[in-house]
Amino acid sequence: MIPKKNGYEVCEAIRADARYQGVKIIMLTAKGREVEQEKGLALGADDYVTKPFATRELVLKVRAMLGLQND
């Protein structure tokens, strides 16, 4: 957990700032309920990954998001 702000608040702040319009956001969290995932995506996250997660799967998601070829 992050101090002072939660991940939803950070995501919302990034999306509200025009300087970060092109920033991609993957929420990586222990909060895995469907309602929490829906909230993260509704606030502007591009993807939502719950712990525990497979490192390879996360790398593939990041590469795809950045438009890099996955081998």
N, C-alpha and C. Protein backbone atom coordinates (compact mmCIF):
# COMPACT_ATOMS: atom_id res chain seq x y z
N MET A 1 0.83 -1.18 0.00
CA MET A 1 0.00 0.00 0.00
C MET A 1 0.89 1.25 0.00
N ILE A 2 0.47 2.25 -0.71
CA ILE A 2 1.24 3.49 -0.80
C ILE A 2 0.80 4.44 0.32
N PRO A 3 1.74 5.14 0.91
CA PRO A 3 1.35 6.09 1.97
C PRO A 3 0.68 7.34 1.40
N LYS A 4 -0.21 7.91 2.16
CA LYS A 4 -0.88 9.19 1.90
C LYS A 4 -1.97 9.13 0.83
N LYS A 5 -1.72 8.51 -0.31
CA LYS A 5 -2.72 8.38 -1.37
C LYS A 5 -2.82 6.91 -1.75
N ASN A 6 -4.00 6.50 -2.18
CA ASN A 6 -4.09 5.12 -2.66
C ASN A 6 -3.90 5.11 -4.19
N GLY A 7 -3.79 3.94 -4.75
CA GLY A 7 -3.54 3.81 -6.18
C GLY A 7 -4.61 4.43 -7.05
N TYR A 8 -5.85 4.37 -6.58
CA TYR A 8 -6.94 4.98 -7.33
C TYR A 8 -6.75 6.49 -7.41
N GLU A 9 -6.36 7.10 -6.29
CA GLU A 9 -6.15 8.55 -6.26
C GLU A 9 -4.98 8.95 -7.15
N VAL A 10 -3.92 8.15 -7.15
CA VAL A 10 -2.77 8.43 -8.01
C VAL A 10 -3.17 8.33 -9.48
N CYS A 11 -3.90 7.28 -9.82
CA CYS A 11 -4.37 7.10 -11.20
C CYS A 11 -5.23 8.28 -11.63
N GLU A 12 -6.15 8.67 -10.78
CA GLU A 12 -7.05 9.78 -11.08
C GLU A 12 -6.27 11.09 -11.27
N ALA A 13 -5.27 11.32 -10.43
CA ALA A 13 -4.47 12.54 -10.52
C ALA A 13 -3.67 12.58 -11.82
N ILE A 14 -3.12 11.44 -12.21
CA ILE A 14 -2.36 11.37 -13.46
C ILE A 14 -3.28 11.66 -14.64
N ARG A 15 -4.45 11.05 -14.64
CA ARG A 15 -5.40 11.26 -15.74
C ARG A 15 -5.94 12.68 -15.80
N ALA A 16 -5.97 13.37 -14.67
CA ALA A 16 -6.50 14.73 -14.62
C ALA A 16 -5.48 15.77 -15.09
N ASP A 17 -4.23 15.39 -15.20
CA ASP A 17 -3.16 16.32 -15.57
C ASP A 17 -2.82 16.15 -17.05
N ALA A 18 -3.09 17.16 -17.84
CA ALA A 18 -2.88 17.10 -19.30
C ALA A 18 -1.43 16.81 -19.67
N ARG A 19 -0.49 17.16 -18.80
CA ARG A 19 0.93 16.89 -19.10
C ARG A 19 1.22 15.40 -19.20
N TYR A 20 0.39 14.59 -18.58
CA TYR A 20 0.61 13.14 -18.57
C TYR A 20 -0.39 12.39 -19.42
N GLN A 21 -0.96 13.06 -20.39
CA GLN A 21 -2.01 12.47 -21.22
C GLN A 21 -1.58 11.15 -21.87
N GLY A 22 -0.35 11.04 -22.29
CA GLY A 22 0.12 9.84 -22.98
C GLY A 22 0.67 8.76 -22.08
N VAL A 23 0.67 8.98 -20.78
CA VAL A 23 1.23 8.01 -19.84
C VAL A 23 0.31 6.79 -19.75
N LYS A 24 0.90 5.63 -19.82
CA LYS A 24 0.16 4.38 -19.67
C LYS A 24 0.20 3.97 -18.20
N ILE A 25 -0.91 3.45 -17.70
CA ILE A 25 -1.00 3.06 -16.30
C ILE A 25 -1.43 1.61 -16.20
N ILE A 26 -0.61 0.81 -15.52
CA ILE A 26 -0.99 -0.55 -15.15
C ILE A 26 -1.05 -0.56 -13.63
N MET A 27 -2.21 -0.82 -13.11
CA MET A 27 -2.35 -0.94 -11.66
C MET A 27 -1.93 -2.35 -11.27
N LEU A 28 -0.96 -2.44 -10.35
CA LEU A 28 -0.46 -3.71 -9.85
C LEU A 28 -0.82 -3.75 -8.37
N THR A 29 -1.76 -4.61 -8.00
CA THR A 29 -2.35 -4.52 -6.68
C THR A 29 -2.75 -5.87 -6.11
N ALA A 30 -2.90 -5.89 -4.80
CA ALA A 30 -3.40 -7.08 -4.11
C ALA A 30 -4.92 -7.08 -4.09
N LYS A 31 -5.53 -5.98 -4.48
CA LYS A 31 -6.99 -5.87 -4.48
C LYS A 31 -7.53 -6.49 -5.76
N GLY A 32 -8.03 -7.73 -5.64
CA GLY A 32 -8.40 -8.47 -6.83
C GLY A 32 -9.88 -8.65 -7.09
N ARG A 33 -10.71 -8.05 -6.26
CA ARG A 33 -12.15 -8.21 -6.52
C ARG A 33 -12.53 -7.48 -7.80
N GLU A 34 -13.55 -8.01 -8.46
CA GLU A 34 -13.98 -7.45 -9.75
C GLU A 34 -14.37 -5.98 -9.63
N VAL A 35 -15.04 -5.61 -8.54
CA VAL A 35 -15.47 -4.23 -8.36
C VAL A 35 -14.26 -3.29 -8.25
N GLU A 36 -13.17 -3.77 -7.64
CA GLU A 36 -11.96 -2.95 -7.53
C GLU A 36 -11.28 -2.79 -8.89
N GLN A 37 -11.26 -3.87 -9.66
CA GLN A 37 -10.70 -3.80 -11.00
C GLN A 37 -11.51 -2.84 -11.87
N GLU A 38 -12.81 -2.93 -11.81
CA GLU A 38 -13.67 -2.04 -12.59
C GLU A 38 -13.44 -0.58 -12.20
N LYS A 39 -13.25 -0.33 -10.91
CA LYS A 39 -12.99 1.03 -10.44
C LYS A 39 -11.68 1.56 -11.01
N GLY A 40 -10.61 0.75 -10.96
CA GLY A 40 -9.32 1.16 -11.50
C GLY A 40 -9.40 1.49 -12.98
N LEU A 41 -10.06 0.65 -13.73
CA LEU A 41 -10.20 0.88 -15.17
C LEU A 41 -11.08 2.09 -15.45
N ALA A 42 -12.12 2.28 -14.65
CA ALA A 42 -13.01 3.44 -14.82
C ALA A 42 -12.29 4.75 -14.53
N LEU A 43 -11.31 4.71 -13.63
CA LEU A 43 -10.55 5.92 -13.29
C LEU A 43 -9.43 6.20 -14.30
N GLY A 44 -9.26 5.29 -15.26
CA GLY A 44 -8.31 5.58 -16.33
C GLY A 44 -7.12 4.65 -16.45
N ALA A 45 -7.05 3.63 -15.61
CA ALA A 45 -5.95 2.67 -15.76
C ALA A 45 -6.10 1.95 -17.10
N ASP A 46 -4.99 1.68 -17.73
CA ASP A 46 -5.01 0.96 -19.00
C ASP A 46 -5.12 -0.55 -18.81
N ASP A 47 -4.64 -1.01 -17.67
CA ASP A 47 -4.72 -2.43 -17.34
C ASP A 47 -4.68 -2.57 -15.83
N TYR A 48 -5.03 -3.74 -15.35
CA TYR A 48 -5.13 -3.99 -13.92
C TYR A 48 -4.62 -5.40 -13.68
N VAL A 49 -3.56 -5.54 -12.91
CA VAL A 49 -2.96 -6.84 -12.64
C VAL A 49 -2.99 -7.08 -11.14
N THR A 50 -3.44 -8.26 -10.75
CA THR A 50 -3.52 -8.57 -9.32
C THR A 50 -2.39 -9.49 -8.89
N LYS A 51 -2.00 -9.33 -7.64
CA LYS A 51 -0.98 -10.19 -7.04
C LYS A 51 -1.66 -11.44 -6.51
N PRO A 52 -1.00 -12.57 -6.54
CA PRO A 52 0.28 -12.80 -7.19
C PRO A 52 0.11 -12.78 -8.70
N PHE A 53 1.19 -12.46 -9.39
CA PHE A 53 1.15 -12.37 -10.85
C PHE A 53 2.37 -13.06 -11.42
N ALA A 54 2.25 -13.47 -12.66
CA ALA A 54 3.38 -14.08 -13.37
C ALA A 54 4.20 -12.96 -14.00
N THR A 55 5.48 -12.91 -13.69
CA THR A 55 6.36 -11.87 -14.21
C THR A 55 6.31 -11.83 -15.73
N ARG A 56 6.35 -12.97 -16.36
CA ARG A 56 6.32 -13.03 -17.83
C ARG A 56 5.04 -12.38 -18.37
N GLU A 57 3.92 -12.67 -17.73
CA GLU A 57 2.64 -12.09 -18.16
C GLU A 57 2.68 -10.56 -18.06
N LEU A 58 3.23 -10.05 -16.97
CA LEU A 58 3.33 -8.61 -16.79
C LEU A 58 4.24 -7.99 -17.85
N VAL A 59 5.36 -8.62 -18.11
CA VAL A 59 6.29 -8.12 -19.14
C VAL A 59 5.60 -8.09 -20.50
N LEU A 60 4.85 -9.12 -20.82
CA LEU A 60 4.14 -9.15 -22.10
C LEU A 60 3.11 -8.03 -22.20
N LYS A 61 2.41 -7.76 -21.10
CA LYS A 61 1.43 -6.67 -21.09
C LYS A 61 2.12 -5.32 -21.30
N VAL A 62 3.23 -5.11 -20.62
CA VAL A 62 3.96 -3.84 -20.75
C VAL A 62 4.48 -3.68 -22.17
N ARG A 63 5.08 -4.72 -22.71
CA ARG A 63 5.60 -4.65 -24.08
C ARG A 63 4.48 -4.35 -25.08
N ALA A 64 3.34 -5.01 -24.91
CA ALA A 64 2.20 -4.77 -25.81
C ALA A 64 1.72 -3.33 -25.68
N MET A 65 1.65 -2.83 -24.46
CA MET A 65 1.19 -1.47 -24.23
C MET A 65 2.12 -0.44 -24.86
N LEU A 66 3.41 -0.77 -24.88
CA LEU A 66 4.39 0.14 -25.45
C LEU A 66 4.55 -0.06 -26.96
N GLY A 67 3.82 -1.03 -27.50
CA GLY A 67 3.89 -1.29 -28.94
C GLY A 67 5.13 -2.02 -29.35
N LEU A 68 5.71 -2.76 -28.41
CA LEU A 68 6.92 -3.54 -28.70
C LEU A 68 6.52 -4.95 -29.07
N GLN A 69 7.31 -5.56 -29.93
CA GLN A 69 7.02 -6.90 -30.38
C GLN A 69 7.29 -7.88 -29.25
N ASN A 70 6.36 -8.81 -29.03
CA ASN A 70 6.55 -9.86 -28.03
C ASN A 70 7.07 -11.10 -28.72
N ASP A 71 8.17 -11.61 -28.20
CA ASP A 71 8.77 -12.84 -28.76
C ASP A 71 8.42 -14.03 -27.92
